[in-house]
Amino acid sequence: MKTLVEKAASLYEAFKKEAESQVENGNKAAGARARKASLELEKLMKEFRKASLEASKK
């Protein structure tokens, strides 16, 4: 589960960087990268939720 948290933090940083680039500079390609990172982050959060639930059952 520790690796999931580290990976999520890394993805969030990538999302944040790209989203800021889109908002501040109007960079359209950065917007696409931010959207992609958000989808990957969503999948990772679902994995984390499953792992967290399993860990709490033990």
C-alpha atoms as a PDB file:
ATOM      1  CA  MET A   1       0.000   0.000   0.000  1.00  0.00           C
ATOM      2  CA  LYS A   2       2.973   2.292   0.591  1.00  0.00           C
ATOM      3  CA  THR A   3       3.877   2.091  -3.094  1.00  0.00           C
ATOM      4  CA  LEU A   4       0.325   3.083  -4.041  1.00  0.00           C
ATOM      5  CA  VAL A   5       0.586   6.195  -1.879  1.00  0.00           C
ATOM      6  CA  GLU A   6       3.967   7.120  -3.361  1.00  0.00           C
ATOM      7  CA  LYS A   7       2.713   6.579  -6.897  1.00  0.00           C
ATOM      8  CA  ALA A   8      -0.406   8.660  -6.194  1.00  0.00           C
ATOM      9  CA  ALA A   9       1.703  11.502  -4.819  1.00  0.00           C
ATOM     10  CA  SER A  10       3.901  11.397  -7.912  1.00  0.00           C
ATOM     11  CA  LEU A  11       0.896  11.415 -10.246  1.00  0.00           C
ATOM     12  CA  TYR A  12      -0.683  14.275  -8.336  1.00  0.00           C
ATOM     13  CA  GLU A  13       2.468  16.356  -8.675  1.00  0.00           C
ATOM     14  CA  ALA A  14       2.481  15.706 -12.429  1.00  0.00           C
ATOM     15  CA  PHE A  15      -1.202  16.645 -12.634  1.00  0.00           C
ATOM     16  CA  LYS A  16      -0.657  19.810 -10.615  1.00  0.00           C
ATOM     17  CA  LYS A  17       2.279  20.921 -12.791  1.00  0.00           C
ATOM     18  CA  GLU A  18       0.395  20.355 -16.048  1.00  0.00           C
ATOM     19  CA  ALA A  19      -2.853  21.897 -14.798  1.00  0.00           C
ATOM     20  CA  GLU A  20      -1.026  25.020 -13.627  1.00  0.00           C
ATOM     21  CA  SER A  21       0.710  25.262 -16.992  1.00  0.00           C
ATOM     22  CA  GLN A  22      -2.632  25.132 -18.751  1.00  0.00           C
ATOM     23  CA  VAL A  23      -4.304  27.674 -16.492  1.00  0.00           C
ATOM     24  CA  GLU A  24      -1.434  30.160 -16.279  1.00  0.00           C
ATOM     25  CA  ASN A  25       0.011  29.878 -19.776  1.00  0.00           C
ATOM     26  CA  GLY A  26      -2.916  28.602 -21.815  1.00  0.00           C
ATOM     27  CA  ASN A  27      -0.895  25.557 -22.862  1.00  0.00           C
ATOM     28  CA  LYS A  28      -3.418  23.207 -24.518  1.00  0.00           C
ATOM     29  CA  ALA A  29      -1.054  20.215 -24.600  1.00  0.00           C
ATOM     30  CA  ALA A  30      -0.499  20.576 -20.855  1.00  0.00           C
ATOM     31  CA  GLY A  31      -4.277  20.379 -20.417  1.00  0.00           C
ATOM     32  CA  ALA A  32      -4.354  17.056 -22.241  1.00  0.00           C
ATOM     33  CA  ARG A  33      -1.519  15.736 -20.070  1.00  0.00           C
ATOM     34  CA  ALA A  34      -3.332  16.937 -16.940  1.00  0.00           C
ATOM     35  CA  ARG A  35      -6.516  15.154 -17.978  1.00  0.00           C
ATOM     36  CA  LYS A  36      -4.572  11.958 -18.644  1.00  0.00           C
ATOM     37  CA  ALA A  37      -2.892  12.196 -15.226  1.00  0.00           C
ATOM     38  CA  SER A  38      -6.274  12.742 -13.564  1.00  0.00           C
ATOM     39  CA  LEU A  39      -7.633   9.544 -15.134  1.00  0.00           C
ATOM     40  CA  GLU A  40      -4.600   7.579 -13.974  1.00  0.00           C
ATOM     41  CA  LEU A  41      -4.959   9.101 -10.519  1.00  0.00           C
ATOM     42  CA  GLU A  42      -8.618   8.071 -10.410  1.00  0.00           C
ATOM     43  CA  LYS A  43      -7.693   4.451 -11.173  1.00  0.00           C
ATOM     44  CA  LEU A  44      -4.979   4.527  -8.542  1.00  0.00           C
ATOM     45  CA  MET A  45      -7.382   5.908  -5.931  1.00  0.00           C
ATOM     46  CA  LYS A  46      -9.745   3.010  -6.599  1.00  0.00           C
ATOM     47  CA  GLU A  47      -6.859   0.566  -6.111  1.00  0.00           C
ATOM     48  CA  PHE A  48      -5.930   2.337  -2.885  1.00  0.00           C
ATOM     49  CA  ARG A  49      -9.503   2.120  -1.638  1.00  0.00           C
ATOM     50  CA  LYS A  50      -9.577  -1.640  -2.248  1.00  0.00           C
ATOM     51  CA  ALA A  51      -6.219  -2.146  -0.550  1.00  0.00           C
ATOM     52  CA  SER A  52      -7.248   0.033   2.362  1.00  0.00           C
ATOM     53  CA  LEU A  53     -10.461  -1.910   2.874  1.00  0.00           C
ATOM     54  CA  GLU A  54      -8.585  -5.208   2.760  1.00  0.00           C
ATOM     55  CA  ALA A  55      -6.032  -3.949   5.275  1.00  0.00           C
ATOM     56  CA  SER A  56      -8.757  -2.803   7.657  1.00  0.00           C
ATOM     57  CA  LYS A  57     -10.368  -6.257   7.600  1.00  0.00           C
ATOM     58  CA  LYS A  58      -7.207  -7.912   8.884  1.00  0.00           C
END
